[in-house]
Amino acid sequence: MNLQSKILLQIILTIIDLTKESSNVPIKHVANIARCPLETVEDTAKWLESKGLLTFEPPIIEIKREGRISLALEAVSAGGDPEVVCRRLGFREFEDIVAEAFKLNGFQTLTRYMFKHKERRYEIDVLAFRGMKALCVDCKQWRRVARSKLEEALRVQMERVEALTAELKSKRLDSVISISGEAQILPAILTLVDTEITIIDRVPIVPVTKLGRFLDEFDFHLDQLVHFKVKFQN
């Protein structure tokens, strides 16, 4: 990464950090925290505004929630470590950026999909569809995790997917997703832990830094993964 890219990344990450609690931040505050010349930060803010990622009306930068997701994606494009970038996001924003990553890999997505089965409410963080396959993703901003905690998360996610499968056998998918016919639906967990992709009880545990690789190889490992068949009625 060259010096210009490093400076751009530092400014973007600083803006993301400073807009966690408020949508407005003074440009001088960004410059002080990023330790960059004010003129450089102003030029960067104008460039980011030209890309529709924020609004800059000197001396204030303003950014909406959806803009933070786009800004995070810009940080990754600038060479930022996906794990480092995602740590700066709230858990809902983390779900949104995971959905965007799936979209970039040719998936249709739904975030925070809620449904009811046997009088109980469930929520799937991200539903990602490609072809006749669907991934039900549980997003965890874990950096370290005990085996017992992971096993509990697997159990709960399997429960959600089983409930979703049972519900979809009798009802249509309440969404704008274009899918019709028998499909395979698979549980998965995505984390911030920077390890190798692992499969536990036939469920993939995927670090956010390895998501692209997992999706590239996804179709070749279906026989190793637990999946349920369901006929979508759209």
Protein backbone atom coordinates (compact mmCIF):
# COMPACT_ATOMS: atom_id res chain seq x y z
CA MET A 1 0.00 0.00 0.00
CA ASN A 2 1.49 3.35 -1.03
CA LEU A 3 1.55 6.44 1.20
CA GLN A 4 -1.43 8.08 -0.53
CA SER A 5 -3.58 4.98 0.01
CA LYS A 6 -2.51 4.78 3.65
CA ILE A 7 -3.52 8.40 4.24
CA LEU A 8 -6.87 7.87 2.51
CA LEU A 9 -7.52 4.76 4.60
CA GLN A 10 -6.60 6.53 7.85
CA ILE A 11 -8.97 9.41 7.10
CA ILE A 12 -11.84 7.08 6.18
CA LEU A 13 -11.38 4.95 9.30
CA THR A 14 -11.26 8.07 11.45
CA ILE A 15 -14.53 9.34 9.96
CA ILE A 16 -16.15 5.95 10.62
CA ASP A 17 -14.91 6.03 14.22
CA LEU A 18 -16.10 9.57 14.86
CA THR A 19 -19.59 9.07 13.41
CA LYS A 20 -20.58 6.12 15.59
CA GLU A 21 -22.62 8.29 17.93
CA SER A 22 -23.29 11.35 15.79
CA SER A 23 -23.85 11.87 12.07
CA ASN A 24 -21.92 15.17 12.17
CA VAL A 25 -18.23 15.71 12.84
CA PRO A 26 -16.04 18.84 12.48
CA ILE A 27 -13.39 18.50 9.78
CA LYS A 28 -10.73 19.80 12.20
CA HIS A 29 -11.54 16.98 14.61
CA VAL A 30 -11.01 14.43 11.84
CA ALA A 31 -7.68 16.02 10.93
CA ASN A 32 -6.50 16.00 14.57
CA ILE A 33 -7.44 12.37 15.21
CA ALA A 34 -6.15 11.15 11.83
CA ARG A 35 -2.98 13.23 12.29
CA CYS A 36 -3.24 14.55 8.77
CA PRO A 37 -3.01 18.13 7.41
CA LEU A 38 -6.37 19.87 7.40
CA GLU A 39 -6.07 20.61 3.67
CA THR A 40 -5.54 16.92 2.92
CA VAL A 41 -8.59 15.93 4.97
CA GLU A 42 -10.70 18.61 3.25
CA ASP A 43 -9.64 17.38 -0.20
CA THR A 44 -10.44 13.79 0.83
CA ALA A 45 -13.86 14.83 2.17
CA LYS A 46 -14.64 16.58 -1.12
CA TRP A 47 -13.60 13.47 -3.05
CA LEU A 48 -15.73 11.22 -0.85
CA GLU A 49 -18.64 13.61 -1.30
CA SER A 50 -18.23 13.41 -5.09
CA LYS A 51 -18.70 9.64 -4.75
CA GLY A 52 -21.90 10.15 -2.76
CA LEU A 53 -20.46 8.70 0.46
CA LEU A 54 -20.95 11.76 2.68
CA THR A 55 -21.89 15.44 2.72
CA PHE A 56 -19.24 18.08 3.34
CA GLU A 57 -20.37 21.60 4.16
CA PRO A 58 -17.31 23.24 5.74
CA PRO A 59 -16.48 22.91 8.51
CA ILE A 60 -18.80 19.89 9.03
CA ILE A 61 -18.83 16.37 7.60
CA GLU A 62 -22.22 14.67 7.70
CA ILE A 63 -22.80 11.01 7.01
CA LYS A 64 -25.94 8.88 7.17
CA ARG A 65 -26.02 5.33 8.49
CA GLU A 66 -26.08 3.76 5.04
CA GLY A 67 -23.17 6.02 4.12
CA ARG A 68 -21.09 4.43 6.86
CA ILE A 69 -21.56 1.03 5.20
CA SER A 70 -20.49 2.44 1.84
CA LEU A 71 -17.55 4.18 3.51
CA ALA A 72 -16.49 0.90 5.12
CA LEU A 73 -16.57 -0.79 1.71
CA GLU A 74 -14.47 2.08 0.35
CA ALA A 75 -11.96 1.48 3.14
CA VAL A 76 -11.64 -2.18 2.12
CA SER A 77 -11.24 -1.11 -1.53
CA ALA A 78 -8.47 1.24 -0.42
CA GLY A 79 -6.58 -1.74 1.01
CA GLY A 80 -7.96 -1.87 4.53
CA ASP A 81 -8.05 -5.19 6.35
CA PRO A 82 -11.74 -6.30 6.32
CA GLU A 83 -11.45 -7.44 9.93
CA VAL A 84 -10.05 -4.08 11.07
CA VAL A 85 -12.74 -2.20 9.15
CA CYS A 86 -15.61 -4.35 10.43
CA ARG A 87 -14.50 -3.90 14.05
CA ARG A 88 -15.41 -0.23 13.71
CA LEU A 89 -19.02 -0.99 12.79
CA GLY A 90 -22.02 -1.60 15.02
CA PHE A 91 -23.45 -5.13 14.96
CA ARG A 92 -26.32 -4.11 12.65
CA GLU A 93 -23.84 -2.39 10.34
CA PHE A 94 -21.74 -5.54 10.40
CA GLU A 95 -24.75 -7.49 9.14
CA ASP A 96 -25.28 -4.91 6.39
CA ILE A 97 -21.69 -5.04 5.18
CA VAL A 98 -21.84 -8.86 5.14
CA ALA A 99 -24.96 -8.60 2.96
CA GLU A 100 -23.11 -6.22 0.63
CA ALA A 101 -20.22 -8.69 0.38
CA PHE A 102 -22.67 -11.40 -0.69
CA LYS A 103 -24.20 -9.07 -3.29
CA LEU A 104 -20.76 -8.40 -4.74
CA ASN A 105 -20.44 -12.16 -5.20
CA GLY A 106 -23.67 -12.51 -7.16
CA PHE A 107 -26.12 -13.22 -4.32
CA GLN A 108 -29.54 -11.74 -3.65
CA THR A 109 -29.85 -10.91 0.03
CA LEU A 110 -32.27 -10.15 2.84
CA THR A 111 -31.06 -8.75 6.16
CA ARG A 112 -32.70 -9.36 9.52
CA TYR A 113 -35.36 -11.62 8.02
CA MET A 114 -38.06 -12.21 10.64
CA PHE A 115 -40.58 -15.01 10.61
CA LYS A 116 -42.83 -16.90 12.97
CA HIS A 117 -42.99 -20.66 13.47
CA LYS A 118 -45.12 -22.48 16.04
CA GLU A 119 -45.92 -19.20 17.81
CA ARG A 120 -42.25 -18.34 18.22
CA ARG A 121 -40.46 -15.47 16.46
CA TYR A 122 -37.11 -15.97 14.75
CA GLU A 123 -34.67 -13.67 12.97
CA ILE A 124 -31.99 -14.58 10.41
CA ASP A 125 -29.18 -11.99 10.22
CA VAL A 126 -28.55 -12.47 6.48
CA LEU A 127 -30.32 -14.67 3.95
CA ALA A 128 -28.22 -14.94 0.80
CA PHE A 129 -29.52 -16.58 -2.39
CA ARG A 130 -27.67 -17.64 -5.53
CA GLY A 131 -29.16 -20.05 -8.02
CA MET A 132 -31.12 -22.68 -6.12
CA LYS A 133 -29.07 -22.38 -2.95
CA ALA A 134 -29.60 -20.18 0.11
CA LEU A 135 -27.24 -19.46 2.99
CA CYS A 136 -28.67 -18.54 6.39
CA VAL A 137 -25.90 -16.52 8.02
CA ASP A 138 -25.49 -15.70 11.70
CA CYS A 139 -23.12 -12.71 11.99
CA LYS A 140 -20.91 -12.67 15.09
CA GLN A 141 -18.51 -9.82 15.86
CA TRP A 142 -16.39 -12.19 17.92
CA ARG A 143 -12.64 -11.69 18.10
CA ARG A 144 -12.08 -14.65 20.40
CA VAL A 145 -14.56 -17.36 21.21
CA ALA A 146 -14.63 -20.39 23.48
CA ARG A 147 -15.56 -23.71 21.96
CA SER A 148 -18.64 -23.97 24.21
CA LYS A 149 -19.89 -20.56 23.02
CA LEU A 150 -19.39 -21.55 19.40
CA GLU A 151 -21.23 -24.84 19.89
CA GLU A 152 -24.17 -22.97 21.44
CA ALA A 153 -24.25 -20.55 18.49
CA LEU A 154 -24.26 -23.52 16.11
CA ARG A 155 -27.14 -25.13 17.99
CA VAL A 156 -29.22 -21.95 17.92
CA GLN A 157 -28.51 -21.32 14.23
CA MET A 158 -29.50 -24.88 13.34
CA GLU A 159 -32.73 -24.34 15.25
CA ARG A 160 -33.44 -21.17 13.25
CA VAL A 161 -32.77 -22.86 9.92
CA GLU A 162 -34.88 -25.88 10.78
CA ALA A 163 -37.75 -23.57 11.78
CA LEU A 164 -37.36 -21.55 8.57
CA THR A 165 -37.33 -24.70 6.47
CA ALA A 166 -40.46 -26.03 8.15
CA GLU A 167 -42.21 -22.70 7.73
CA LEU A 168 -41.31 -22.37 4.04
CA LYS A 169 -42.67 -25.82 3.27
CA SER A 170 -46.15 -24.46 3.84
CA LYS A 171 -45.79 -20.73 3.11
CA ARG A 172 -44.18 -18.52 0.51
CA LEU A 173 -41.06 -16.48 1.19
CA ASP A 174 -42.21 -13.02 2.26
CA SER A 175 -39.73 -11.04 0.20
CA VAL A 176 -38.80 -9.61 -3.17
CA ILE A 177 -36.27 -12.40 -3.72
CA SER A 178 -36.72 -14.03 -7.11
CA ILE A 179 -36.50 -17.78 -6.48
CA SER A 180 -38.96 -20.54 -7.28
CA GLY A 181 -38.70 -24.30 -6.99
CA GLU A 182 -36.79 -26.72 -4.78
CA ALA A 183 -33.67 -25.23 -3.27
CA GLN A 184 -31.01 -26.13 -0.72
CA ILE A 185 -30.82 -23.99 2.40
CA LEU A 186 -27.66 -24.07 4.52
CA PRO A 187 -26.71 -22.61 7.93
CA ALA A 188 -23.44 -20.70 8.34
CA ILE A 189 -21.72 -18.50 10.92
CA LEU A 190 -19.54 -15.54 9.98
CA THR A 191 -17.11 -14.09 12.53
CA LEU A 192 -14.36 -11.49 12.97
CA VAL A 193 -11.94 -14.13 14.26
CA ASP A 194 -9.11 -14.20 11.72
CA THR A 195 -8.58 -17.96 11.43
CA GLU A 196 -8.99 -20.48 8.67
CA ILE A 197 -12.44 -21.52 7.49
CA THR A 198 -13.60 -24.44 9.63
CA ILE A 199 -16.53 -26.84 9.44
CA ILE A 200 -18.05 -28.02 12.72
CA ASP A 201 -20.93 -30.48 12.67
CA ARG A 202 -21.07 -29.83 8.90
CA VAL A 203 -21.72 -26.11 9.44
CA PRO A 204 -19.14 -23.64 8.03
CA ILE A 205 -17.54 -21.10 10.38
CA VAL A 206 -16.20 -18.36 8.12
CA PRO A 207 -13.95 -15.43 9.15
CA VAL A 208 -14.96 -12.20 7.41
CA THR A 209 -11.44 -12.04 5.93
CA LYS A 210 -12.03 -15.38 4.18
CA LEU A 211 -15.60 -14.77 2.98
CA GLY A 212 -14.59 -14.17 -0.64
CA ARG A 213 -12.59 -17.40 -0.77
CA PHE A 214 -15.41 -19.34 0.87
CA LEU A 215 -17.93 -18.09 -1.69
CA ASP A 216 -15.55 -18.89 -4.56
CA GLU A 217 -15.23 -22.47 -3.32
CA PHE A 218 -18.75 -22.82 -1.92
CA ASP A 219 -20.25 -24.97 -4.68
CA PHE A 220 -17.37 -27.47 -4.50
CA HIS A 221 -17.96 -28.30 -0.82
CA LEU A 222 -21.72 -28.71 -0.66
CA ASP A 223 -21.44 -32.44 0.06
CA GLN A 224 -19.55 -31.60 3.28
CA LEU A 225 -22.20 -29.16 4.56
CA VAL A 226 -25.52 -29.77 6.25
CA HIS A 227 -28.42 -28.56 4.16
CA PHE A 228 -32.18 -28.71 4.01
CA LYS A 229 -34.40 -28.94 0.95
CA VAL A 230 -37.31 -26.56 0.62
CA LYS A 231 -39.61 -25.61 -2.22
CA PHE A 232 -39.80 -21.84 -2.46
CA GLN A 233 -43.14 -20.48 -3.60
CA ASN A 234 -42.66 -16.99 -5.00
